[in-house]
Amino acid sequence: MASRLVEYHIQRLSDKDPSVRMKAINELRLLGDPTALSALEQVFRNDPDPDVRKAAQRAGREIYDKTKTTESSQKSE
């Protein structure tokens, strides 16, 4: 289950102001919670602003990579 903070930033991804969406994406990236991946994918696929789409793609990739790295290191222990 996603934390309240992650949920808050996911809600901000729907804001009409692109700068608010960009800040939300950055916060989700910093939090690194994989529960945000689906929402970031939707932004990447549907946001009208190309900069917001690129930021969502980068954040999603970073979170995904961190998740995979963590899983790999846990398996090798």
Protein backbone atom coordinates (compact mmCIF):
# COMPACT_ATOMS: atom_id res chain seq x y z
CA MET A 1 0.00 0.00 0.00
CA ALA A 2 1.32 3.41 -0.96
CA SER A 3 2.11 5.91 1.73
CA ARG A 4 0.05 9.06 2.12
CA LEU A 5 2.94 11.08 0.77
CA VAL A 6 3.16 8.99 -2.39
CA GLU A 7 -0.61 9.20 -2.84
CA TYR A 8 -0.49 12.98 -2.39
CA HIS A 9 2.10 13.36 -5.14
CA ILE A 10 0.23 10.95 -7.42
CA GLN A 11 -2.84 13.18 -7.05
CA ARG A 12 -0.72 16.20 -7.99
CA LEU A 13 0.11 14.53 -11.32
CA SER A 14 -3.40 15.59 -12.45
CA ASP A 15 -2.87 19.29 -11.71
CA LYS A 16 -3.53 21.63 -14.63
CA ASP A 17 -0.21 23.43 -14.02
CA PRO A 18 2.73 21.61 -15.65
CA SER A 19 5.15 22.96 -13.03
CA VAL A 20 3.11 21.30 -10.28
CA ARG A 21 3.15 18.02 -12.22
CA MET A 22 6.93 18.32 -12.68
CA LYS A 23 7.44 18.88 -8.94
CA ALA A 24 5.24 15.89 -8.15
CA ILE A 25 7.23 13.71 -10.55
CA ASN A 26 10.49 14.81 -8.95
CA GLU A 27 9.16 14.07 -5.45
CA LEU A 28 7.98 10.62 -6.55
CA ARG A 29 11.41 9.99 -8.06
CA LEU A 30 13.10 10.96 -4.80
CA LEU A 31 10.74 8.78 -2.77
CA GLY A 32 11.49 5.85 -5.08
CA ASP A 33 8.29 3.98 -4.24
CA PRO A 34 7.41 1.44 -6.96
CA THR A 35 3.69 1.96 -6.30
CA ALA A 36 4.07 5.22 -8.26
CA LEU A 37 5.15 3.43 -11.46
CA SER A 38 1.64 2.98 -12.85
CA ALA A 39 0.76 6.65 -12.35
CA LEU A 40 4.05 7.76 -13.89
CA GLU A 41 3.40 5.52 -16.88
CA GLN A 42 0.01 7.16 -17.39
CA VAL A 43 1.62 10.60 -17.31
CA PHE A 44 4.27 9.44 -19.78
CA ARG A 45 1.60 8.13 -22.17
CA ASN A 46 -1.01 10.88 -21.82
CA ASP A 47 0.34 14.21 -20.57
CA PRO A 48 0.01 17.04 -23.12
CA ASP A 49 3.37 18.57 -22.10
CA PRO A 50 6.39 16.84 -23.67
CA ASP A 51 8.72 17.93 -20.84
CA VAL A 52 6.38 16.42 -18.26
CA ARG A 53 6.22 13.19 -20.27
CA LYS A 54 10.02 12.99 -20.44
CA ALA A 55 10.34 13.65 -16.70
CA ALA A 56 7.78 10.94 -15.94
CA GLN A 57 9.68 8.50 -18.15
CA ARG A 58 13.00 9.27 -16.44
CA ALA A 59 11.49 9.02 -12.96
CA GLY A 60 9.73 5.77 -13.77
CA ARG A 61 12.89 4.26 -15.21
CA GLU A 62 14.91 5.33 -12.17
CA ILE A 63 12.39 3.87 -9.71
CA TYR A 64 12.14 0.66 -11.75
CA ASP A 65 15.93 0.29 -11.90
CA LYS A 66 16.28 0.88 -8.15
CA THR A 67 13.59 -1.70 -7.48
CA LYS A 68 15.30 -4.29 -9.68
CA THR A 69 18.71 -3.56 -8.12
CA THR A 70 17.26 -3.98 -4.62
CA GLU A 71 15.56 -7.23 -5.57
CA SER A 72 18.76 -8.58 -7.12
CA SER A 73 20.88 -7.73 -4.10
CA GLN A 74 18.34 -9.35 -1.75
CA LYS A 75 18.39 -12.57 -3.79
CA SER A 76 22.19 -12.77 -3.68
CA GLU A 77 22.34 -12.44 0.13
